[in-house]
Amino acid sequence: MELSASITTAAKYLAAGFAMGIGSIGAAYGEGQVASHAIDGMARQPEMEDSLLRTMVIGQAITESTGIYSLIVAIMLLMVV
């Protein structure tokens, strides 16, 4: 294998790893914040538990989409580039 092809392959795997790693860190932090604030709200107002739980699940799904987007970018870097 030629040296430039090896460098390109290594850069491709490194870029995919960084894309997935950075995207996962952001999604995990965001999901933790959503859950933390929802639990805090449930502790303060137990009668709002159903509404807060529903809102938390929607917030978790929206936040997780960032992680899914980073996974798609990582796969595209591995397959297309």
PDB file of N, CA and C in Angstrom:
ATOM      1  N   MET A   1       0.853  -1.175   0.000  1.00  0.00           N
ATOM      2  CA  MET A   1       0.000   0.000   0.000  1.00  0.00           C
ATOM      3  C   MET A   1       0.895   1.233   0.000  1.00  0.00           C
ATOM      4  N   GLU A   2       0.520   2.168  -0.766  1.00  0.00           N
ATOM      5  CA  GLU A   2       1.278   3.398  -0.900  1.00  0.00           C
ATOM      6  C   GLU A   2       1.158   4.229   0.378  1.00  0.00           C
ATOM      7  N   LEU A   3       2.178   5.046   0.651  1.00  0.00           N
ATOM      8  CA  LEU A   3       2.208   5.839   1.883  1.00  0.00           C
ATOM      9  C   LEU A   3       1.055   6.828   1.955  1.00  0.00           C
ATOM     10  N   SER A   4       0.747   7.491   0.852  1.00  0.00           N
ATOM     11  CA  SER A   4      -0.346   8.474   0.877  1.00  0.00           C
ATOM     12  C   SER A   4      -1.697   7.794   1.110  1.00  0.00           C
ATOM     13  N   ALA A   5      -1.869   6.592   0.594  1.00  0.00           N
ATOM     14  CA  ALA A   5      -3.112   5.856   0.833  1.00  0.00           C
ATOM     15  C   ALA A   5      -3.219   5.446   2.296  1.00  0.00           C
ATOM     16  N   SER A   6      -2.096   5.080   2.902  1.00  0.00           N
ATOM     17  CA  SER A   6      -2.097   4.721   4.319  1.00  0.00           C
ATOM     18  C   SER A   6      -2.423   5.923   5.188  1.00  0.00           C
ATOM     19  N   ILE A   7      -1.870   7.071   4.844  1.00  0.00           N
ATOM     20  CA  ILE A   7      -2.146   8.292   5.605  1.00  0.00           C
ATOM     21  C   ILE A   7      -3.613   8.678   5.455  1.00  0.00           C
ATOM     22  N   THR A   8      -4.147   8.551   4.250  1.00  0.00           N
ATOM     23  CA  THR A   8      -5.557   8.864   4.020  1.00  0.00           C
ATOM     24  C   THR A   8      -6.464   7.936   4.820  1.00  0.00           C
ATOM     25  N   THR A   9      -6.137   6.661   4.846  1.00  0.00           N
ATOM     26  CA  THR A   9      -6.935   5.700   5.608  1.00  0.00           C
ATOM     27  C   THR A   9      -6.874   6.001   7.100  1.00  0.00           C
ATOM     28  N   ALA A  10      -5.685   6.301   7.591  1.00  0.00           N
ATOM     29  CA  ALA A  10      -5.538   6.633   9.014  1.00  0.00           C
ATOM     30  C   ALA A  10      -6.302   7.902   9.363  1.00  0.00           C
ATOM     31  N   ALA A  11      -6.239   8.901   8.500  1.00  0.00           N
ATOM     32  CA  ALA A  11      -6.966  10.150   8.748  1.00  0.00           C
ATOM     33  C   ALA A  11      -8.472   9.924   8.719  1.00  0.00           C
ATOM     34  N   LYS A  12      -8.915   9.044   7.843  1.00  0.00           N
ATOM     35  CA  LYS A  12     -10.342   8.738   7.746  1.00  0.00           C
ATOM     36  C   LYS A  12     -10.849   8.113   9.044  1.00  0.00           C
ATOM     37  N   TYR A  13     -10.118   7.139   9.564  1.00  0.00           N
ATOM     38  CA  TYR A  13     -10.524   6.493  10.814  1.00  0.00           C
ATOM     39  C   TYR A  13     -10.422   7.444  12.001  1.00  0.00           C
ATOM     40  N   LEU A  14      -9.409   8.275  12.010  1.00  0.00           N
ATOM     41  CA  LEU A  14      -9.250   9.250  13.084  1.00  0.00           C
ATOM     42  C   LEU A  14     -10.382  10.274  13.061  1.00  0.00           C
ATOM     43  N   ALA A  15     -10.744  10.758  11.888  1.00  0.00           N
ATOM     44  CA  ALA A  15     -11.834  11.733  11.767  1.00  0.00           C
ATOM     45  C   ALA A  15     -13.167  11.120  12.184  1.00  0.00           C
ATOM     46  N   ALA A  16     -13.409   9.871  11.803  1.00  0.00           N
ATOM     47  CA  ALA A  16     -14.653   9.207  12.204  1.00  0.00           C
ATOM     48  C   ALA A  16     -14.700   9.019  13.716  1.00  0.00           C
ATOM     49  N   GLY A  17     -13.573   8.674  14.306  1.00  0.00           N
ATOM     50  CA  GLY A  17     -13.517   8.523  15.757  1.00  0.00           C
ATOM     51  C   GLY A  17     -13.766   9.830  16.477  1.00  0.00           C
ATOM     52  N   PHE A  18     -13.163  10.907  15.995  1.00  0.00           N
ATOM     53  CA  PHE A  18     -13.397  12.219  16.604  1.00  0.00           C
ATOM     54  C   PHE A  18     -14.850  12.658  16.434  1.00  0.00           C
ATOM     55  N   ALA A  19     -15.421  12.441  15.266  1.00  0.00           N
ATOM     56  CA  ALA A  19     -16.814  12.836  15.029  1.00  0.00           C
ATOM     57  C   ALA A  19     -17.753  12.105  15.978  1.00  0.00           C
ATOM     58  N   MET A  20     -17.534  10.820  16.145  1.00  0.00           N
ATOM     59  CA  MET A  20     -18.395  10.042  17.042  1.00  0.00           C
ATOM     60  C   MET A  20     -18.134  10.397  18.500  1.00  0.00           C
ATOM     61  N   GLY A  21     -16.890  10.584  18.860  1.00  0.00           N
ATOM     62  CA  GLY A  21     -16.557  10.900  20.250  1.00  0.00           C
ATOM     63  C   GLY A  21     -17.088  12.241  20.698  1.00  0.00           C
ATOM     64  N   ILE A  22     -16.846  13.272  19.915  1.00  0.00           N
ATOM     65  CA  ILE A  22     -17.308  14.613  20.279  1.00  0.00           C
ATOM     66  C   ILE A  22     -18.833  14.674  20.252  1.00  0.00           C
ATOM     67  N   GLY A  23     -19.442  14.057  19.259  1.00  0.00           N
ATOM     68  CA  GLY A  23     -20.904  14.046  19.195  1.00  0.00           C
ATOM     69  C   GLY A  23     -21.534  13.293  20.354  1.00  0.00           C
ATOM     70  N   SER A  24     -20.913  12.218  20.786  1.00  0.00           N
ATOM     71  CA  SER A  24     -21.443  11.447  21.908  1.00  0.00           C
ATOM     72  C   SER A  24     -21.314  12.198  23.221  1.00  0.00           C
ATOM     73  N   ILE A  25     -20.217  12.910  23.395  1.00  0.00           N
ATOM     74  CA  ILE A  25     -20.028  13.674  24.631  1.00  0.00           C
ATOM     75  C   ILE A  25     -21.114  14.737  24.759  1.00  0.00           C
ATOM     76  N   GLY A  26     -21.376  15.455  23.688  1.00  0.00           N
ATOM     77  CA  GLY A  26     -22.409  16.487  23.726  1.00  0.00           C
ATOM     78  C   GLY A  26     -23.793  15.919  23.984  1.00  0.00           C
ATOM     79  N   ALA A  27     -24.112  14.816  23.329  1.00  0.00           N
ATOM     80  CA  ALA A  27     -25.427  14.203  23.522  1.00  0.00           C
ATOM     81  C   ALA A  27     -25.582  13.669  24.941  1.00  0.00           C
ATOM     82  N   ALA A  28     -24.550  13.041  25.465  1.00  0.00           N
ATOM     83  CA  ALA A  28     -24.625  12.502  26.825  1.00  0.00           C
ATOM     84  C   ALA A  28     -24.780  13.611  27.856  1.00  0.00           C
ATOM     85  N   TYR A  29     -24.055  14.691  27.688  1.00  0.00           N
ATOM     86  CA  TYR A  29     -24.177  15.817  28.614  1.00  0.00           C
ATOM     87  C   TYR A  29     -25.576  16.422  28.550  1.00  0.00           C
ATOM     88  N   GLY A  30     -26.090  16.600  27.352  1.00  0.00           N
ATOM     89  CA  GLY A  30     -27.428  17.165  27.189  1.00  0.00           C
ATOM     90  C   GLY A  30     -28.509  16.277  27.787  1.00  0.00           C
ATOM     91  N   GLU A  31     -28.400  14.967  27.581  1.00  0.00           N
ATOM     92  CA  GLU A  31     -29.381  14.049  28.146  1.00  0.00           C
ATOM     93  C   GLU A  31     -29.321  14.049  29.666  1.00  0.00           C
ATOM     94  N   GLY A  32     -28.136  14.153  30.221  1.00  0.00           N
ATOM     95  CA  GLY A  32     -27.998  14.236  31.669  1.00  0.00           C
ATOM     96  C   GLY A  32     -28.646  15.486  32.231  1.00  0.00           C
ATOM     97  N   GLN A  33     -28.470  16.595  31.535  1.00  0.00           N
ATOM     98  CA  GLN A  33     -29.090  17.847  31.981  1.00  0.00           C
ATOM     99  C   GLN A  33     -30.614  17.767  31.909  1.00  0.00           C
ATOM    100  N   VAL A  34     -31.134  17.191  30.841  1.00  0.00           N
ATOM    101  CA  VAL A  34     -32.586  17.056  30.697  1.00  0.00           C
ATOM    102  C   VAL A  34     -33.151  16.201  31.829  1.00  0.00           C
ATOM    103  N   ALA A  35     -32.532  15.059  32.086  1.00  0.00           N
ATOM    104  CA  ALA A  35     -33.019  14.170  33.144  1.00  0.00           C
ATOM    105  C   ALA A  35     -32.882  14.815  34.519  1.00  0.00           C
ATOM    106  N   SER A  36     -31.772  15.486  34.753  1.00  0.00           N
ATOM    107  CA  SER A  36     -31.541  16.129  36.045  1.00  0.00           C
ATOM    108  C   SER A  36     -32.594  17.185  36.346  1.00  0.00           C
ATOM    109  N   HIS A  37     -32.874  18.013  35.375  1.00  0.00           N
ATOM    110  CA  HIS A  37     -33.852  19.080  35.596  1.00  0.00           C
ATOM    111  C   HIS A  37     -35.279  18.533  35.693  1.00  0.00           C
ATOM    112  N   ALA A  38     -35.563  17.463  34.974  1.00  0.00           N
ATOM    113  CA  ALA A  38     -36.894  16.859  35.078  1.00  0.00           C
ATOM    114  C   ALA A  38     -37.097  16.238  36.461  1.00  0.00           C
ATOM    115  N   ILE A  39     -36.090  15.556  36.971  1.00  0.00           N
ATOM    116  CA  ILE A  39     -36.194  14.965  38.308  1.00  0.00           C
ATOM    117  C   ILE A  39     -36.293  16.052  39.362  1.00  0.00           C
ATOM    118  N   ASP A  40     -35.555  17.129  39.182  1.00  0.00           N
ATOM    119  CA  ASP A  40     -35.642  18.262  40.106  1.00  0.00           C
ATOM    120  C   ASP A  40     -37.056  18.842  40.105  1.00  0.00           C
ATOM    121  N   GLY A  41     -37.641  18.980  38.930  1.00  0.00           N
ATOM    122  CA  GLY A  41     -39.007  19.486  38.835  1.00  0.00           C
ATOM    123  C   GLY A  41     -40.023  18.539  39.460  1.00  0.00           C
ATOM    124  N   MET A  42     -39.814  17.223  39.292  1.00  0.00           N
ATOM    125  CA  MET A  42     -40.717  16.245  39.900  1.00  0.00           C
ATOM    126  C   MET A  42     -40.619  16.271  41.422  1.00  0.00           C
ATOM    127  N   ALA A  43     -39.424  16.510  41.932  1.00  0.00           N
ATOM    128  CA  ALA A  43     -39.254  16.588  43.386  1.00  0.00           C
ATOM    129  C   ALA A  43     -39.932  17.832  43.951  1.00  0.00           C
ATOM    130  N   ARG A  44     -39.929  18.903  43.195  1.00  0.00           N
ATOM    131  CA  ARG A  44     -40.551  20.145  43.665  1.00  0.00           C
ATOM    132  C   ARG A  44     -42.066  20.125  43.521  1.00  0.00           C
ATOM    133  N   GLN A  45     -42.549  19.534  42.443  1.00  0.00           N
ATOM    134  CA  GLN A  45     -43.996  19.487  42.191  1.00  0.00           C
ATOM    135  C   GLN A  45     -44.398  18.071  41.774  1.00  0.00           C
ATOM    136  N   PRO A  46     -44.636  17.188  42.746  1.00  0.00           N
ATOM    137  CA  PRO A  46     -44.979  15.793  42.410  1.00  0.00           C
ATOM    138  C   PRO A  46     -46.255  15.653  41.577  1.00  0.00           C
ATOM    139  N   GLU A  47     -47.163  16.609  41.680  1.00  0.00           N
ATOM    140  CA  GLU A  47     -48.415  16.508  40.922  1.00  0.00           C
ATOM    141  C   GLU A  47     -48.201  16.726  39.425  1.00  0.00           C
ATOM    142  N   MET A  48     -47.067  17.280  39.037  1.00  0.00           N
ATOM    143  CA  MET A  48     -46.751  17.517  37.620  1.00  0.00           C
ATOM    144  C   MET A  48     -45.905  16.391  37.015  1.00  0.00           C
ATOM    145  N   GLU A  49     -45.824  15.257  37.720  1.00  0.00           N
ATOM    146  CA  GLU A  49     -44.924  14.183  37.297  1.00  0.00           C
ATOM    147  C   GLU A  49     -45.229  13.677  35.888  1.00  0.00           C
ATOM    148  N   ASP A  50     -46.491  13.450  35.574  1.00  0.00           N
ATOM    149  CA  ASP A  50     -46.846  12.923  34.246  1.00  0.00           C
ATOM    150  C   ASP A  50     -46.439  13.876  33.130  1.00  0.00           C
ATOM    151  N   SER A  51     -46.717  15.145  33.319  1.00  0.00           N
ATOM    152  CA  SER A  51     -46.372  16.144  32.307  1.00  0.00           C
ATOM    153  C   SER A  51     -44.859  16.280  32.158  1.00  0.00           C
ATOM    154  N   LEU A  52     -44.160  16.291  33.296  1.00  0.00           N
ATOM    155  CA  LEU A  52     -42.702  16.422  33.242  1.00  0.00           C
ATOM    156  C   LEU A  52     -42.049  15.190  32.629  1.00  0.00           C
ATOM    157  N   LEU A  53     -42.591  14.010  32.934  1.00  0.00           N
ATOM    158  CA  LEU A  53     -42.030  12.785  32.369  1.00  0.00           C
ATOM    159  C   LEU A  53     -42.190  12.761  30.853  1.00  0.00           C
ATOM    160  N   ARG A  54     -43.361  13.152  30.385  1.00  0.00           N
ATOM    161  CA  ARG A  54     -43.613  13.192  28.936  1.00  0.00           C
ATOM    162  C   ARG A  54     -42.678  14.199  28.252  1.00  0.00           C
ATOM    163  N   THR A  55     -42.534  15.365  28.865  1.00  0.00           N
ATOM    164  CA  THR A  55     -41.648  16.385  28.307  1.00  0.00           C
ATOM    165  C   THR A  55     -40.197  15.925  28.339  1.00  0.00           C
ATOM    166  N   MET A  56     -39.809  15.212  29.414  1.00  0.00           N
ATOM    167  CA  MET A  56     -38.442  14.719  29.520  1.00  0.00           C
ATOM    168  C   MET A  56     -38.139  13.700  28.417  1.00  0.00           C
ATOM    169  N   VAL A  57     -39.081  12.805  28.156  1.00  0.00           N
ATOM    170  CA  VAL A  57     -38.858  11.789  27.120  1.00  0.00           C
ATOM    171  C   VAL A  57     -38.704  12.449  25.750  1.00  0.00           C
ATOM    172  N   ILE A  58     -39.512  13.454  25.465  1.00  0.00           N
ATOM    173  CA  ILE A  58     -39.387  14.179  24.198  1.00  0.00           C
ATOM    174  C   ILE A  58     -38.040  14.895  24.136  1.00  0.00           C
ATOM    175  N   GLY A  59     -37.639  15.519  25.241  1.00  0.00           N
ATOM    176  CA  GLY A  59     -36.336  16.190  25.288  1.00  0.00           C
ATOM    177  C   GLY A  59     -35.180  15.226  25.114  1.00  0.00           C
ATOM    178  N   GLN A  60     -35.303  14.033  25.719  1.00  0.00           N
ATOM    179  CA  GLN A  60     -34.263  13.017  25.560  1.00  0.00           C
ATOM    180  C   GLN A  60     -34.153  12.580  24.096  1.00  0.00           C
ATOM    181  N   ALA A  61     -35.285  12.412  23.441  1.00  0.00           N
ATOM    182  CA  ALA A  61     -35.276  11.987  22.035  1.00  0.00           C
ATOM    183  C   ALA A  61     -34.646  13.047  21.144  1.00  0.00           C
ATOM    184  N   ILE A  62     -34.981  14.305  21.393  1.00  0.00           N
ATOM    185  CA  ILE A  62     -34.403  15.384  20.588  1.00  0.00           C
ATOM    186  C   ILE A  62     -32.900  15.481  20.831  1.00  0.00           C
ATOM    187  N   THR A  63     -32.493  15.338  22.086  1.00  0.00           N
ATOM    188  CA  THR A  63     -31.071  15.417  22.413  1.00  0.00           C
ATOM    189  C   THR A  63     -30.302  14.239  21.819  1.00  0.00           C
ATOM    190  N   GLU A  64     -30.906  13.062  21.820  1.00  0.00           N
ATOM    191  CA  GLU A  64     -30.241  11.881  21.274  1.00  0.00           C
ATOM    192  C   GLU A  64     -30.039  11.992  19.769  1.00  0.00           C
ATOM    193  N   SER A  65     -30.854  12.806  19.104  1.00  0.00           N
ATOM    194  CA  SER A  65     -30.693  12.954  17.660  1.00  0.00           C
ATOM    195  C   SER A  65     -29.310  13.508  17.310  1.00  0.00           C
ATOM    196  N   THR A  66     -28.717  14.295  18.199  1.00  0.00           N
ATOM    197  CA  THR A  66     -27.356  14.787  17.966  1.00  0.00           C
ATOM    198  C   THR A  66     -26.366  13.629  17.894  1.00  0.00           C
ATOM    199  N   GLY A  67     -26.503  12.674  18.804  1.00  0.00           N
ATOM    200  CA  GLY A  67     -25.638  11.497  18.773  1.00  0.00           C
ATOM    201  C   GLY A  67     -25.847  10.662  17.527  1.00  0.00           C
ATOM    202  N   ILE A  68     -27.090  10.560  17.085  1.00  0.00           N
ATOM    203  CA  ILE A  68     -27.385   9.802  15.871  1.00  0.00           C
ATOM    204  C   ILE A  68     -26.796  10.500  14.648  1.00  0.00           C
ATOM    205  N   TYR A  69     -26.886  11.835  14.609  1.00  0.00           N
ATOM    206  CA  TYR A  69     -26.286  12.577  13.498  1.00  0.00           C
ATOM    207  C   TYR A  69     -24.774  12.376  13.463  1.00  0.00           C
ATOM    208  N   SER A  70     -24.135  12.375  14.625  1.00  0.00           N
ATOM    209  CA  SER A  70     -22.683  12.168  14.637  1.00  0.00           C
ATOM    210  C   SER A  70     -22.335  10.751  14.195  1.00  0.00           C
ATOM    211  N   LEU A  71     -23.179   9.775  14.519  1.00  0.00           N
ATOM    212  CA  LEU A  71     -22.961   8.410  14.038  1.00  0.00           C
ATOM    213  C   LEU A  71     -23.075   8.351  12.521  1.00  0.00           C
ATOM    214  N   ILE A  72     -24.054   9.044  11.963  1.00  0.00           N
ATOM    215  CA  ILE A  72     -24.222   9.069  10.508  1.00  0.00           C
ATOM    216  C   ILE A  72     -23.018   9.722   9.839  1.00  0.00           C
ATOM    217  N   VAL A  73     -22.527  10.820  10.426  1.00  0.00           N
ATOM    218  CA  VAL A  73     -21.344  11.486   9.869  1.00  0.00           C
ATOM    219  C   VAL A  73     -20.141  10.557   9.932  1.00  0.00           C
ATOM    220  N   ALA A  74     -19.974   9.839  11.048  1.00  0.00           N
ATOM    221  CA  ALA A  74     -18.847   8.912  11.169  1.00  0.00           C
ATOM    222  C   ALA A  74     -18.939   7.794  10.131  1.00  0.00           C
ATOM    223  N   ILE A  75     -20.125   7.262   9.926  1.00  0.00           N
ATOM    224  CA  ILE A  75     -20.299   6.210   8.918  1.00  0.00           C
ATOM    225  C   ILE A  75     -20.017   6.753   7.523  1.00  0.00           C
ATOM    226  N   MET A  76     -20.483   7.974   7.251  1.00  0.00           N
ATOM    227  CA  MET A  76     -20.207   8.575   5.942  1.00  0.00           C
ATOM    228  C   MET A  76     -18.709   8.791   5.745  1.00  0.00           C
ATOM    229  N   LEU A  77     -18.007   9.205   6.803  1.00  0.00           N
ATOM    230  CA  LEU A  77     -16.562   9.380   6.684  1.00  0.00           C
ATOM    231  C   LEU A  77     -15.870   8.060   6.376  1.00  0.00           C
ATOM    232  N   LEU A  78     -16.353   6.979   6.977  1.00  0.00           N
ATOM    233  CA  LEU A  78     -15.726   5.680   6.747  1.00  0.00           C
ATOM    234  C   LEU A  78     -16.063   5.105   5.373  1.00  0.00           C
ATOM    235  N   MET A  79     -17.284   5.288   4.920  1.00  0.00           N
ATOM    236  CA  MET A  79     -17.722   4.641   3.683  1.00  0.00           C
ATOM    237  C   MET A  79     -17.485   5.475   2.426  1.00  0.00           C
ATOM    238  N   VAL A  80     -17.635   6.784   2.525  1.00  0.00           N
ATOM    239  CA  VAL A  80     -17.609   7.621   1.328  1.00  0.00           C
ATOM    240  C   VAL A  80     -16.222   8.185   1.057  1.00  0.00           C
ATOM    241  N   VAL A  81     -15.569   8.664   2.076  1.00  0.00           N
ATOM    242  CA  VAL A  81     -14.278   9.343   1.882  1.00  0.00           C
ATOM    243  C   VAL A  81     -13.206   8.332   1.581  1.00  0.00           C
TER     244      VAL A  81
END
